[in-house]
Amino acid sequence: MSTRRATVAAGLIITGVLLLVIAFTTWYTVDESEQAVVITFGKAADTPVTESGLHFKLPWPIQHVEKLSKETFSLQFGYKQDSDGTLVAYDKETKMITGDEYIVLADLVVQWKIINPEKYLFNSQNPKEILHDATSASIRSVIGSSTIDSALTDGKAEIEAKTRELLTTLVTNYDIGIAIQGVKLQDVELPNSDVRAAFTAVTDARETRSTKINQAERYKNQRMNEAEGERDAIKSRAIGQKTARIEQALGDVALFNDLHAEYEKNISITRQRLIIETLEQVLPKAKIYIMNDEGETLKYLPLQQLDNQTPPPAEQKTEGGGN
């Protein structure tokens, strides 16, 4: 009898445990920043659960859930940031050789996110380590094909672009469910302080040159604008003078035509009048006389004096003979 009771008690305990397991393993929650993969007997579902909230599944051990973040991660290559904010550099990791056989230290940040949770969980044992190694291979390959001058000065943007392109190709070939969002080259420097100072001076000189070139271009544009304005003003004045002279010439032609018509009517009189008018214009203060060379007593006629004389008053006449 006691054995039977013990068996019943054990069955009740097992049943209770199973009920608790079922109660606590048949539901799960997903945050807005998470995505979940439901795994059934070790096989992941084709479609991840991305909708936030409460979800249900079959109890463990039939199904269990792996949650992954949907946010963008940062891979710091060449340095680490401690919990207190201190940066720790790893020179051995960042030391590499340029195409012209100089040693430089290059560190960067890779932005990446999980786009396929199933491949991220099952296609590799440690996808983060694979990403780190792929980053190292990509930056070393790009730096190895670049010159030190380009790596330290104005070629950083091109190095970033090439590194991202190569890294994206490697991650795609590895098929580990990761997508590269961006590559930011933090710093490229020389291990020797003296050489580093020399290249800093070169960079400053190039920036100064660029500034001078920009200033010269602005001055050139300003002077060209002023010259074009002066040119347009000169053209405008020339067009105005041209128009005025044409109008004056047309007026002179019209006046000449009128004189010629009068001249044709009476040649001698018109000729004398033109001579007198011309003399008045040439010698405005001269006294003009009309001479008589026929042996008469009157040798000349003073025209100005005759013009200036006033006529004598008229005589008054009265009836009866006057006074």
Protein backbone atom coordinates (compact mmCIF):
# COMPACT_ATOMS: atom_id res chain seq x y z
CA MET A 1 0.00 0.00 0.00
CA SER A 2 2.82 2.39 0.89
CA THR A 3 4.60 1.49 -2.33
CA ARG A 4 1.51 2.36 -4.32
CA ARG A 5 1.23 5.70 -2.57
CA ALA A 6 4.87 6.47 -3.25
CA THR A 7 4.37 5.66 -6.93
CA VAL A 8 1.33 7.94 -7.12
CA ALA A 9 3.20 10.72 -5.35
CA ALA A 10 6.15 10.38 -7.74
CA GLY A 11 3.78 10.47 -10.70
CA LEU A 12 2.14 13.58 -9.38
CA ILE A 13 5.52 15.23 -8.92
CA ILE A 14 6.62 14.32 -12.44
CA THR A 15 3.33 15.54 -13.83
CA GLY A 16 3.69 18.83 -11.96
CA VAL A 17 7.21 19.31 -13.21
CA LEU A 18 6.09 18.62 -16.76
CA LEU A 19 3.24 21.07 -16.40
CA LEU A 20 5.65 23.72 -15.09
CA VAL A 21 8.04 23.07 -17.96
CA ILE A 22 5.19 23.35 -20.44
CA ALA A 23 3.87 26.48 -18.76
CA PHE A 24 7.23 28.27 -18.82
CA THR A 25 8.58 27.05 -22.19
CA THR A 26 5.58 27.48 -24.47
CA TRP A 27 5.83 31.28 -24.73
CA TYR A 28 8.53 33.90 -25.21
CA THR A 29 8.77 37.66 -25.73
CA VAL A 30 10.62 39.61 -28.41
CA ASP A 31 11.71 43.22 -27.89
CA GLU A 32 11.63 45.84 -30.65
CA SER A 33 15.43 45.65 -30.98
CA GLU A 34 15.48 41.84 -31.21
CA GLN A 35 14.77 39.10 -33.70
CA ALA A 36 14.14 35.49 -32.70
CA VAL A 37 14.81 32.16 -34.36
CA VAL A 38 12.62 29.20 -33.41
CA ILE A 39 14.63 25.96 -33.46
CA THR A 40 12.76 22.65 -33.75
CA PHE A 41 14.82 19.57 -32.85
CA GLY A 42 17.99 21.45 -33.82
CA LYS A 43 16.65 22.88 -37.13
CA ALA A 44 16.03 26.61 -37.41
CA ALA A 45 12.90 28.04 -38.98
CA ASP A 46 13.32 29.65 -42.38
CA THR A 47 11.77 32.96 -41.30
CA PRO A 48 12.91 34.75 -38.13
CA VAL A 49 10.40 36.34 -35.77
CA THR A 50 10.85 40.12 -35.95
CA GLU A 51 7.52 41.32 -34.58
CA SER A 52 7.83 42.46 -30.98
CA GLY A 53 5.55 41.11 -28.25
CA LEU A 54 4.43 37.77 -26.79
CA HIS A 55 4.75 34.63 -28.94
CA PHE A 56 4.01 30.93 -28.39
CA LYS A 57 5.87 27.76 -29.38
CA LEU A 58 6.01 24.08 -28.62
CA PRO A 59 7.42 23.24 -25.18
CA TRP A 60 11.03 22.36 -24.54
CA PRO A 61 12.77 20.17 -25.66
CA ILE A 62 10.74 20.16 -28.88
CA GLN A 63 11.37 23.82 -29.64
CA HIS A 64 13.59 26.50 -28.17
CA VAL A 65 14.29 30.12 -29.17
CA GLU A 66 17.52 32.00 -29.93
CA LYS A 67 17.28 35.80 -29.73
CA LEU A 68 19.60 38.07 -31.70
CA SER A 69 19.83 41.85 -31.91
CA LYS A 70 18.57 43.80 -34.93
CA GLU A 71 20.78 46.78 -34.11
CA THR A 72 24.05 47.73 -35.80
CA PHE A 73 27.23 46.46 -34.14
CA SER A 74 30.69 48.07 -34.16
CA LEU A 75 33.88 46.10 -34.63
CA GLN A 76 36.87 48.04 -33.32
CA PHE A 77 39.97 46.91 -35.18
CA GLY A 78 43.32 47.88 -33.70
CA TYR A 79 42.10 49.16 -30.37
CA LYS A 80 39.64 48.43 -27.58
CA GLN A 81 37.69 50.71 -25.31
CA ASP A 82 37.55 49.68 -21.66
CA SER A 83 34.51 50.07 -19.45
CA ASP A 84 35.95 53.29 -18.02
CA GLY A 85 36.38 54.78 -21.50
CA THR A 86 40.14 54.24 -21.79
CA LEU A 87 41.41 53.34 -25.25
CA VAL A 88 43.88 50.47 -25.45
CA ALA A 89 45.85 50.20 -28.69
CA TYR A 90 47.03 46.93 -30.21
CA ASP A 91 49.98 47.95 -32.39
CA LYS A 92 50.80 44.37 -33.36
CA GLU A 93 47.34 44.05 -34.90
CA THR A 94 47.47 47.37 -36.76
CA LYS A 95 51.08 47.30 -37.96
CA MET A 96 51.20 46.76 -41.72
CA ILE A 97 53.40 47.54 -44.75
CA THR A 98 52.48 49.94 -47.56
CA GLY A 99 53.09 49.34 -51.24
CA ASP A 100 56.32 51.36 -51.12
CA GLU A 101 57.55 49.32 -48.12
CA TYR A 102 56.88 51.68 -45.23
CA ILE A 103 55.44 50.54 -41.91
CA VAL A 104 52.24 52.24 -40.74
CA LEU A 105 49.70 51.73 -37.97
CA ALA A 106 46.10 51.65 -39.18
CA ASP A 107 42.98 51.18 -37.06
CA LEU A 108 39.36 51.35 -38.10
CA VAL A 109 35.75 50.72 -37.09
CA VAL A 110 33.45 48.37 -39.02
CA GLN A 111 29.67 48.81 -38.75
CA TRP A 112 27.79 45.54 -39.30
CA LYS A 113 24.47 43.88 -38.55
CA ILE A 114 22.86 40.43 -38.66
CA ILE A 115 20.65 40.01 -41.72
CA ASN A 116 20.19 36.23 -41.63
CA PRO A 117 19.94 34.79 -38.09
CA GLU A 118 19.88 31.18 -39.29
CA LYS A 119 23.19 31.52 -41.16
CA TYR A 120 24.68 33.56 -38.32
CA LEU A 121 23.89 30.75 -35.84
CA PHE A 122 24.65 27.66 -37.92
CA ASN A 123 27.04 28.51 -40.78
CA SER A 124 29.99 29.29 -38.52
CA GLN A 125 31.09 28.59 -35.00
CA ASN A 126 32.29 32.15 -34.31
CA PRO A 127 31.09 34.68 -36.92
CA LYS A 128 32.57 37.63 -35.00
CA GLU A 129 36.04 36.12 -35.21
CA ILE A 130 35.58 35.49 -38.92
CA LEU A 131 34.54 39.12 -39.38
CA HIS A 132 37.61 40.28 -37.47
CA ASP A 133 39.95 38.18 -39.60
CA ALA A 134 38.24 39.34 -42.80
CA THR A 135 38.66 42.96 -41.68
CA SER A 136 42.36 42.41 -41.03
CA ALA A 137 42.84 40.78 -44.44
CA SER A 138 40.95 43.57 -46.23
CA ILE A 139 42.75 46.54 -44.68
CA ARG A 140 46.16 44.89 -45.06
CA SER A 141 45.47 44.18 -48.72
CA VAL A 142 44.40 47.76 -49.42
CA ILE A 143 47.25 49.35 -47.44
CA GLY A 144 49.67 46.98 -49.17
CA SER A 145 48.64 48.36 -52.56
CA SER A 146 48.76 52.04 -51.46
CA THR A 147 51.67 54.41 -51.03
CA ILE A 148 52.58 55.85 -47.66
CA ASP A 149 51.91 59.36 -48.94
CA SER A 150 48.37 58.39 -49.93
CA ALA A 151 47.72 56.53 -46.68
CA LEU A 152 48.81 59.46 -44.50
CA THR A 153 47.33 62.38 -46.45
CA ASP A 154 44.55 62.61 -49.01
CA GLY A 155 44.04 58.93 -49.85
CA LYS A 156 42.16 57.87 -46.71
CA ALA A 157 38.71 58.11 -48.30
CA GLU A 158 39.79 55.85 -51.15
CA ILE A 159 41.30 53.37 -48.67
CA GLU A 160 38.01 53.30 -46.74
CA ALA A 161 36.00 52.66 -49.91
CA LYS A 162 38.28 49.89 -51.14
CA THR A 163 38.39 48.23 -47.70
CA ARG A 164 34.61 48.23 -47.45
CA GLU A 165 34.27 46.79 -50.96
CA LEU A 166 36.77 43.99 -50.29
CA LEU A 167 35.34 43.22 -46.84
CA THR A 168 31.81 43.04 -48.23
CA THR A 169 32.97 40.58 -50.87
CA LEU A 170 34.69 38.36 -48.27
CA VAL A 171 31.70 38.34 -45.88
CA THR A 172 29.36 37.52 -48.75
CA ASN A 173 31.55 34.60 -49.79
CA TYR A 174 31.73 33.31 -46.20
CA ASP A 175 27.89 33.40 -46.06
CA ILE A 176 27.67 33.94 -42.29
CA GLY A 177 24.52 36.09 -42.29
CA ILE A 178 26.32 39.42 -41.79
CA ALA A 179 26.02 42.64 -43.82
CA ILE A 180 28.65 45.41 -43.75
CA GLN A 181 27.09 48.84 -43.13
CA GLY A 182 30.22 50.98 -43.18
CA VAL A 183 33.98 51.18 -42.69
CA LYS A 184 35.51 54.20 -40.97
CA LEU A 185 39.27 54.58 -40.95
CA GLN A 186 40.09 56.02 -37.55
CA ASP A 187 43.77 56.78 -37.96
CA VAL A 188 46.81 55.95 -40.06
CA GLU A 189 50.11 56.96 -38.54
CA LEU A 190 53.78 56.13 -38.47
CA PRO A 191 55.37 54.32 -35.54
CA ASN A 192 58.30 56.77 -35.46
CA SER A 193 57.55 60.18 -33.91
CA ASP A 194 60.11 62.10 -36.02
CA VAL A 195 58.80 60.74 -39.30
CA ARG A 196 55.25 61.34 -38.09
CA ALA A 197 56.09 64.99 -37.41
CA ALA A 198 57.62 65.35 -40.88
CA PHE A 199 54.51 63.98 -42.55
CA THR A 200 52.35 66.27 -40.41
CA ALA A 201 54.35 69.20 -41.76
CA VAL A 202 53.79 67.93 -45.30
CA THR A 203 50.06 67.70 -44.65
CA ASP A 204 49.97 71.24 -43.28
CA ALA A 205 51.87 72.51 -46.31
CA ARG A 206 49.39 70.85 -48.67
CA GLU A 207 46.48 72.38 -46.81
CA THR A 208 48.15 75.78 -47.06
CA ARG A 209 48.69 75.26 -50.77
CA SER A 210 45.05 74.31 -51.23
CA THR A 211 43.99 77.44 -49.33
CA LYS A 212 46.21 79.65 -51.49
CA ILE A 213 44.87 78.06 -54.66
CA ASN A 214 41.29 78.71 -53.56
CA GLN A 215 42.13 82.32 -52.72
CA ALA A 216 43.77 82.77 -56.12
CA GLU A 217 40.73 81.29 -57.85
CA ARG A 218 38.43 83.69 -56.00
CA TYR A 219 40.64 86.67 -56.93
CA LYS A 220 40.75 85.48 -60.54
CA ASN A 221 36.97 85.19 -60.71
CA GLN A 222 36.56 88.63 -59.14
CA ARG A 223 38.93 90.30 -61.60
CA MET A 224 37.34 88.51 -64.54
CA ASN A 225 33.91 89.71 -63.46
CA GLU A 226 35.20 93.28 -63.17
CA ALA A 227 36.91 93.06 -66.56
CA GLU A 228 33.76 91.70 -68.17
CA GLY A 229 31.78 94.56 -66.64
CA GLU A 230 34.25 97.14 -68.00
CA ARG A 231 34.15 95.44 -71.40
CA ASP A 232 30.36 95.59 -71.50
CA ALA A 233 30.42 99.27 -70.48
CA ILE A 234 32.92 100.11 -73.24
CA LYS A 235 30.82 98.24 -75.79
CA SER A 236 27.71 100.08 -74.64
CA ARG A 237 29.44 103.47 -74.95
CA ALA A 238 30.80 102.56 -78.37
CA ILE A 239 27.34 101.53 -79.58
CA GLY A 240 25.95 104.83 -78.26
CA GLN A 241 28.67 106.85 -80.02
CA LYS A 242 28.13 104.86 -83.21
CA THR A 243 24.41 105.58 -83.17
CA ALA A 244 24.99 109.31 -82.46
CA ARG A 245 27.49 109.66 -85.29
CA ILE A 246 25.21 107.87 -87.73
CA GLU A 247 22.34 110.18 -86.80
CA GLN A 248 24.61 113.21 -87.15
CA ALA A 249 25.84 112.01 -90.54
CA LEU A 250 22.28 111.46 -91.71
CA GLY A 251 21.40 115.00 -90.59
CA ASP A 252 24.42 116.44 -92.42
CA VAL A 253 23.43 114.54 -95.56
CA ALA A 254 19.89 115.90 -95.35
CA LEU A 255 21.19 119.47 -94.87
CA PHE A 256 23.58 119.07 -97.80
CA ASN A 257 20.76 117.78 -99.98
CA ASP A 258 18.65 120.82 -99.07
CA LEU A 259 21.55 123.19 -99.87
CA HIS A 260 22.22 121.40 -103.12
CA ALA A 261 18.58 121.80 -104.14
CA GLU A 262 18.74 125.55 -103.46
CA TYR A 263 22.05 125.71 -105.25
CA GLU A 264 20.55 124.16 -108.35
CA LYS A 265 17.79 126.79 -108.34
CA ASN A 266 20.15 129.77 -108.29
CA ILE A 267 23.78 128.91 -108.46
CA SER A 268 25.41 132.36 -108.14
CA ILE A 269 23.29 133.64 -105.26
CA THR A 270 23.56 130.42 -103.32
CA ARG A 271 27.32 130.35 -103.87
CA GLN A 272 27.74 133.88 -102.54
CA ARG A 273 25.52 133.18 -99.54
CA LEU A 274 27.52 130.07 -98.68
CA ILE A 275 30.77 132.03 -98.92
CA ILE A 276 29.47 134.76 -96.62
CA GLU A 277 28.12 132.24 -94.08
CA THR A 278 31.40 130.35 -94.13
CA LEU A 279 33.37 133.56 -93.51
CA GLU A 280 31.09 134.41 -90.61
CA GLN A 281 31.77 131.02 -89.09
CA VAL A 282 35.52 131.12 -89.69
CA LEU A 283 35.99 134.81 -88.77
CA PRO A 284 33.15 135.67 -86.44
CA LYS A 285 34.66 139.03 -85.34
CA ALA A 286 35.78 140.27 -88.78
CA LYS A 287 34.12 143.21 -90.54
CA ILE A 288 32.79 142.29 -93.95
CA TYR A 289 32.70 144.83 -96.85
CA ILE A 290 31.40 144.54 -100.38
CA MET A 291 33.99 146.15 -102.69
CA ASN A 292 33.38 147.88 -106.02
CA ASP A 293 36.34 147.59 -108.41
CA GLU A 294 34.74 149.23 -111.47
CA GLY A 295 36.43 152.64 -110.90
CA GLU A 296 33.49 154.25 -109.27
CA THR A 297 33.90 156.64 -106.42
CA LEU A 298 32.45 154.21 -103.90
CA LYS A 299 35.12 151.61 -103.35
CA TYR A 300 33.39 149.54 -100.63
CA LEU A 301 30.18 149.25 -98.72
CA PRO A 302 30.52 148.80 -94.92
CA LEU A 303 27.70 146.36 -94.24
CA GLN A 304 28.11 146.21 -90.44
CA GLN A 305 27.96 150.00 -90.15
CA LEU A 306 24.84 150.11 -92.26
CA ASP A 307 23.25 147.46 -90.13
CA ASN A 308 24.12 149.38 -86.96
CA GLN A 309 22.78 152.72 -88.18
CA THR A 310 19.34 153.75 -87.05
CA PRO A 311 17.07 155.37 -89.60
CA PRO A 312 16.41 159.14 -89.15
CA PRO A 313 13.07 160.11 -87.73
CA ALA A 314 10.43 160.82 -90.28
CA GLU A 315 9.63 164.53 -90.99
CA GLN A 316 6.35 165.73 -89.78
CA LYS A 317 4.25 167.47 -92.36
CA THR A 318 1.60 170.04 -91.51
CA GLU A 319 -1.19 171.51 -93.54
CA GLY A 320 -0.40 174.81 -95.11
CA GLY A 321 3.26 174.25 -95.86
CA GLY A 322 4.60 173.37 -92.37
CA ASN A 323 7.47 174.87 -90.39
